[in-house]
Every structure is written in structure tokens, then in C-alpha cells.
Amino acid sequence: MDAFKEPIESGLVRILLRINEIHCEVKNDAPDFIDPKEDQPKIKIVPEADIFHLTQVFQERYSLVLNKRRSKDGIIVWDLSQEGIWFDIPMDKVKEVWLTDFNFYIESKSPRYLTYYILDVDHKIQWLQVNESGSIISLSEFRKKFTPPPISERETFTGAEILKCSDMLGRATRKIDVRTGKAMVKFNTEKGRLEPLLMGMAEKLGYVIEPLDKRTIIKEDEGGNSVTHSISLK
């Protein structure tokens, strides 16, 4: 695994998030034509703490492979194709990464027909460092607990919609002015339907999203800036 091979720069610590089994229920709207076990889904990993400025790995989607041996009785089990994701951060940032929980969202190759509801994720976080002989070893590890979303959320938003909001939120946070702690951004909320989801995700990450008033939207539009909402630090 590359996490144990690539050199670690001086002053940095390597964090490895290992993901083993992802247990899911699946809603199939086209069972006569679509077999979930032939799907090629990808997973989005979203930390609850605001650590997006430390690494770009949480902007990516990662391929999953079917665990045929563990999938049974209406439960599909996926494995991450690359075992885990890793990144290097300064020593003083380890605590906020170490203590954060992670949310997981699966997007099907056929999102129109397949929606996944994650029941459990076997995952742990490891702290990697170089030992005296120059080898990279696991200094410590912490097994994480996954809490599935309430059933009510399943009936409200699809996995694809959650991924869409996650992407929009990630782009919006990068536009925040460090001097003012806020920014005006444009969100495609599908006529307001996705707005509660966006606001809820932002709140978990320590941000506040508010819709802009019509006068501000028109004024910004006249200046060539298309915006709909403000986003700010709590």
C-alpha cells in the first residue's frame, strides 16, 4: 500500500483511513433490468469536522467492489477498492482529524434506479510515522463507530442528491474570505427542495447558510456575480 511506501515530509504526520466492509440496503426501482450486484458504485467520504482545508482527498469519489462472500439476505456489502485513503498533515492538526466522525454516501452507476442506504461501515483511522530504521509503521489506531441516518432521511433525499450537496458545499467553503469569514455563493437547490439538506450539512461542519434577499441578488447580478446564498463561519 502506497501509504507505507511514499516518503513522509519532515514535520508532517500521515493519516490513513482504512475502510473494510460497507453494509447496505438497496432500493431498486427497475429490478427487471438492473442487478445491484453488477453495479459499479462510488463512495463519497465526508468528515463532520471542517478539515477540507487540510487535504483534497475528501473531494474525490472512490470506487467500490462487491464483497460476494459477505453479501446475503438482501444486504449488499461493498469494499473500497484501494483499502483506504491517506493524507499528510501538520502535527498540530492531528487532534481535529483524529476525533472527527465520517459520513459515507454511495452513488450508483445507475442513480436513477438504484439508491443505497448504508447500515454499517467498518472503518478505523491510523497514525503513521517513520521509525528508527526508516520504515513507515502504524503508531496508533482508533476504530470509528458509524451511525446510520434516521429512516426519515431515507425518504427525503437520494444518495445522488446528498453527493450533489456535498460537492456544492465543498466548493462554497473554499470561497470564504478569511478576513470576513463569509462569502456569497450560488447554490442549485432545485427550487428550494435541497436547501434544508444543504443547511443541515453546513451546520454540522460549523457553517451557516442563509438565502440572500432579492435586492442583493439583483445588485450582484448586475455586477456579473450570480449568487443565491451567503455562507459564513459560525
Protein backbone atom coordinates (compact mmCIF):
# COMPACT_ATOMS: atom_id res chain seq x y z
CA MET A 1 0.00 0.00 0.00
CA ASP A 2 1.40 3.41 -1.01
CA ALA A 3 0.69 4.90 2.43
CA PHE A 4 3.51 2.73 3.78
CA LYS A 5 5.87 3.43 0.85
CA GLU A 6 5.70 7.11 -0.08
CA PRO A 7 8.11 9.27 1.99
CA ILE A 8 6.64 11.47 4.73
CA GLU A 9 7.99 15.02 4.71
CA SER A 10 9.64 16.28 7.85
CA GLY A 11 7.19 17.85 10.30
CA LEU A 12 4.17 16.07 8.85
CA VAL A 13 2.10 13.13 10.09
CA ARG A 14 0.39 10.63 7.81
CA ILE A 15 -3.23 9.72 8.49
CA LEU A 16 -4.68 6.54 6.99
CA LEU A 17 -8.43 6.00 6.96
CA ARG A 18 -8.97 2.27 6.45
CA ILE A 19 -12.37 1.18 5.18
CA ASN A 20 -13.17 -2.53 5.10
CA GLU A 21 -16.83 -3.52 4.71
CA ILE A 22 -19.75 -1.25 3.82
CA HIS A 23 -23.10 -2.93 4.54
CA CYS A 24 -26.07 -1.57 2.59
CA GLU A 25 -29.71 -1.97 1.82
CA VAL A 26 -30.63 -1.01 -1.72
CA LYS A 27 -33.76 0.44 -3.27
CA ASN A 28 -34.11 -0.89 -6.83
CA ASP A 29 -36.70 0.89 -8.99
CA ALA A 30 -36.01 -1.37 -12.01
CA PRO A 31 -35.48 -4.91 -10.69
CA ASP A 32 -36.32 -6.46 -14.07
CA PHE A 33 -33.46 -4.61 -15.75
CA ILE A 34 -30.94 -3.64 -13.06
CA ASP A 35 -28.98 -6.01 -10.81
CA PRO A 36 -27.30 -4.17 -7.89
CA LYS A 37 -24.58 -6.83 -7.74
CA GLU A 38 -23.47 -5.76 -11.21
CA ASP A 39 -23.34 -2.10 -10.23
CA GLN A 40 -20.10 -0.10 -10.17
CA PRO A 41 -20.80 2.47 -7.46
CA LYS A 42 -18.51 5.05 -5.94
CA ILE A 43 -18.36 6.37 -2.40
CA LYS A 44 -18.00 9.91 -1.09
CA ILE A 45 -16.44 10.35 2.36
CA VAL A 46 -17.43 13.49 4.27
CA PRO A 47 -15.79 14.33 7.62
CA GLU A 48 -18.03 16.04 10.14
CA ALA A 49 -15.23 18.38 11.21
CA ASP A 50 -14.13 21.13 8.84
CA ILE A 51 -10.83 19.62 7.65
CA PHE A 52 -11.31 20.25 3.93
CA HIS A 53 -8.54 22.87 4.02
CA LEU A 54 -6.03 20.23 5.15
CA THR A 55 -6.38 17.81 2.24
CA GLN A 56 -8.14 17.34 -1.08
CA VAL A 57 -8.84 13.60 -0.62
CA PHE A 58 -12.40 14.26 0.57
CA GLN A 59 -13.24 15.97 -2.70
CA GLU A 60 -12.86 12.66 -4.55
CA ARG A 61 -15.18 9.70 -5.08
CA TYR A 62 -13.71 6.23 -4.62
CA SER A 63 -14.58 3.02 -6.47
CA LEU A 64 -16.21 0.12 -4.64
CA VAL A 65 -16.05 -3.62 -5.36
CA LEU A 66 -18.66 -6.18 -4.40
CA ASN A 67 -17.89 -8.48 -1.49
CA LYS A 68 -19.69 -11.56 -2.79
CA ARG A 69 -18.92 -13.69 0.23
CA ARG A 70 -20.46 -11.26 2.72
CA SER A 71 -23.46 -10.13 0.63
CA LYS A 72 -26.61 -12.11 1.50
CA ASP A 73 -30.23 -11.93 2.68
CA GLY A 74 -30.99 -8.62 0.98
CA ILE A 75 -27.84 -6.93 2.32
CA ILE A 76 -25.15 -5.91 -0.16
CA VAL A 77 -21.60 -5.48 1.13
CA TRP A 78 -19.08 -3.32 -0.72
CA ASP A 79 -15.35 -2.97 -0.16
CA LEU A 80 -13.23 0.04 -1.00
CA SER A 81 -11.10 -0.99 -3.98
CA GLN A 82 -7.95 0.58 -2.52
CA GLU A 83 -8.34 -0.42 1.16
CA GLY A 84 -8.22 3.15 2.43
CA ILE A 85 -7.30 6.77 1.79
CA TRP A 86 -4.37 8.65 3.26
CA PHE A 87 -3.01 12.17 3.55
CA ASP A 88 -0.24 14.09 5.32
CA ILE A 89 -0.95 16.93 7.76
CA PRO A 90 0.98 19.06 10.31
CA MET A 91 1.37 17.54 13.76
CA ASP A 92 -0.78 20.23 15.41
CA LYS A 93 -3.75 19.29 13.21
CA VAL A 94 -3.84 15.61 14.15
CA LYS A 95 -6.31 16.03 17.02
CA GLU A 96 -9.13 17.54 14.92
CA VAL A 97 -8.73 14.79 12.30
CA TRP A 98 -8.40 12.05 14.89
CA LEU A 99 -11.59 12.99 16.73
CA THR A 100 -13.88 13.68 13.78
CA ASP A 101 -16.55 11.25 12.63
CA PHE A 102 -17.08 10.44 8.97
CA ASN A 103 -20.22 10.24 6.87
CA PHE A 104 -20.39 7.99 3.81
CA TYR A 105 -22.56 8.31 0.71
CA ILE A 106 -22.75 5.80 -2.14
CA GLU A 107 -23.65 6.85 -5.66
CA SER A 108 -24.71 4.14 -8.10
CA LYS A 109 -23.60 4.00 -11.71
CA SER A 110 -27.37 3.97 -12.33
CA PRO A 111 -28.56 6.59 -9.79
CA ARG A 112 -31.93 6.87 -11.50
CA TYR A 113 -32.77 3.30 -10.46
CA LEU A 114 -30.54 2.36 -7.52
CA THR A 115 -30.34 4.10 -4.15
CA TYR A 116 -28.15 2.76 -1.35
CA TYR A 117 -28.87 3.06 2.37
CA ILE A 118 -25.74 2.42 4.40
CA LEU A 119 -26.30 0.33 7.53
CA ASP A 120 -22.73 -0.01 8.78
CA VAL A 121 -19.16 0.85 7.79
CA ASP A 122 -16.19 -0.99 9.27
CA HIS A 123 -13.55 1.73 9.40
CA LYS A 124 -10.67 2.94 11.52
CA ILE A 125 -8.13 5.74 11.45
CA GLN A 126 -4.37 5.13 11.77
CA TRP A 127 -1.46 7.42 12.61
CA LEU A 128 1.59 6.52 10.52
CA GLN A 129 5.14 7.65 11.25
CA VAL A 130 8.68 6.73 10.30
CA ASN A 131 10.52 4.52 12.83
CA GLU A 132 14.24 4.47 13.63
CA SER A 133 15.02 2.09 10.76
CA GLY A 134 13.30 4.38 8.26
CA SER A 135 10.22 2.21 7.77
CA ILE A 136 6.71 3.64 7.92
CA ILE A 137 4.69 1.97 10.67
CA SER A 138 1.31 2.42 12.34
CA LEU A 139 1.97 4.28 15.59
CA SER A 140 -1.63 4.23 16.78
CA GLU A 141 -5.12 3.40 15.53
CA PHE A 142 -8.67 4.30 16.54
CA ARG A 143 -11.69 2.30 15.42
CA LYS A 144 -14.57 4.53 14.41
CA LYS A 145 -18.28 3.96 15.01
CA PHE A 146 -20.76 4.51 12.19
CA THR A 147 -24.23 5.88 12.95
CA PRO A 148 -26.71 5.35 10.09
CA PRO A 149 -29.05 8.23 9.25
CA PRO A 150 -32.63 8.03 10.54
CA ILE A 151 -35.18 6.32 8.31
CA SER A 152 -36.95 9.65 7.73
CA GLU A 153 -33.89 10.93 5.85
CA ARG A 154 -34.03 7.96 3.50
CA GLU A 155 -37.44 9.01 2.29
CA THR A 156 -36.40 12.61 1.73
CA PHE A 157 -33.11 12.66 -0.19
CA THR A 158 -31.36 10.23 -2.52
CA GLY A 159 -27.68 9.39 -2.35
CA ALA A 160 -27.09 11.36 -5.56
CA GLU A 161 -28.71 14.45 -4.02
CA ILE A 162 -26.57 14.18 -0.89
CA LEU A 163 -23.45 13.90 -3.04
CA LYS A 164 -24.55 16.93 -5.06
CA CYS A 165 -25.00 19.00 -1.89
CA SER A 166 -21.67 17.81 -0.54
CA ASP A 167 -19.92 18.96 -3.71
CA MET A 168 -21.67 22.35 -3.68
CA LEU A 169 -20.82 22.84 -0.02
CA GLY A 170 -17.17 21.91 -0.58
CA ARG A 171 -16.84 24.48 -3.38
CA ALA A 172 -18.62 27.13 -1.33
CA THR A 173 -16.38 26.80 1.73
CA ARG A 174 -13.31 27.38 -0.42
CA LYS A 175 -14.72 30.79 -1.43
CA ILE A 176 -14.97 32.08 2.13
CA ASP A 177 -12.87 35.20 2.66
CA VAL A 178 -10.53 34.56 5.60
CA ARG A 179 -10.74 38.24 6.56
CA THR A 180 -14.53 38.37 6.88
CA GLY A 181 -15.30 34.69 7.44
CA LYS A 182 -18.07 34.68 4.83
CA ALA A 183 -18.87 34.66 1.13
CA MET A 184 -21.75 34.97 -1.29
CA VAL A 185 -22.23 31.86 -3.44
CA LYS A 186 -24.66 30.24 -5.82
CA PHE A 187 -26.44 27.01 -4.88
CA ASN A 188 -28.70 25.00 -7.16
CA THR A 189 -31.29 23.98 -4.58
CA GLU A 190 -33.78 22.63 -7.12
CA LYS A 191 -36.35 25.31 -6.33
CA GLY A 192 -35.58 25.15 -2.61
CA ARG A 193 -36.04 21.40 -2.13
CA LEU A 194 -32.36 20.79 -1.32
CA GLU A 195 -31.98 23.88 0.85
CA PRO A 196 -32.75 22.12 4.20
CA LEU A 197 -30.20 19.42 3.37
CA LEU A 198 -27.52 21.97 2.47
CA MET A 199 -28.16 23.97 5.64
CA GLY A 200 -28.09 20.85 7.82
CA MET A 201 -24.81 19.62 6.35
CA ALA A 202 -23.29 23.10 6.70
CA GLU A 203 -24.34 23.33 10.35
CA LYS A 204 -22.60 20.04 11.15
CA LEU A 205 -19.40 21.44 9.64
CA GLY A 206 -19.58 24.72 11.54
CA TYR A 207 -21.06 26.96 8.84
CA VAL A 208 -24.25 28.96 8.45
CA ILE A 209 -26.05 29.21 5.10
CA GLU A 210 -28.70 31.87 4.55
CA PRO A 211 -30.65 32.84 1.41
CA LEU A 212 -29.88 36.31 0.08
CA ASP A 213 -32.63 38.88 -0.25
CA LYS A 214 -33.87 39.69 -3.74
CA ARG A 215 -32.33 43.18 -3.76
CA THR A 216 -28.84 41.80 -3.06
CA ILE A 217 -29.23 39.08 -5.70
CA ILE A 218 -30.25 41.65 -8.34
CA LYS A 219 -27.43 44.04 -7.38
CA GLU A 220 -24.79 41.29 -7.55
CA ASP A 221 -26.21 40.02 -10.85
CA GLU A 222 -25.89 43.50 -12.38
CA GLY A 223 -22.21 43.38 -11.47
CA GLY A 224 -21.81 40.00 -13.17
CA ASN A 225 -21.85 37.95 -9.96
CA SER A 226 -24.57 35.26 -9.90
CA VAL A 227 -25.32 34.39 -6.25
CA THR A 228 -28.22 32.99 -4.22
CA HIS A 229 -26.95 32.46 -0.66
CA SER A 230 -24.40 33.59 1.89
CA ILE A 231 -22.17 31.14 3.75
CA SER A 232 -20.28 32.09 6.90
CA LEU A 233 -18.42 30.59 9.82
CA LYS A 234 -20.48 30.09 12.98
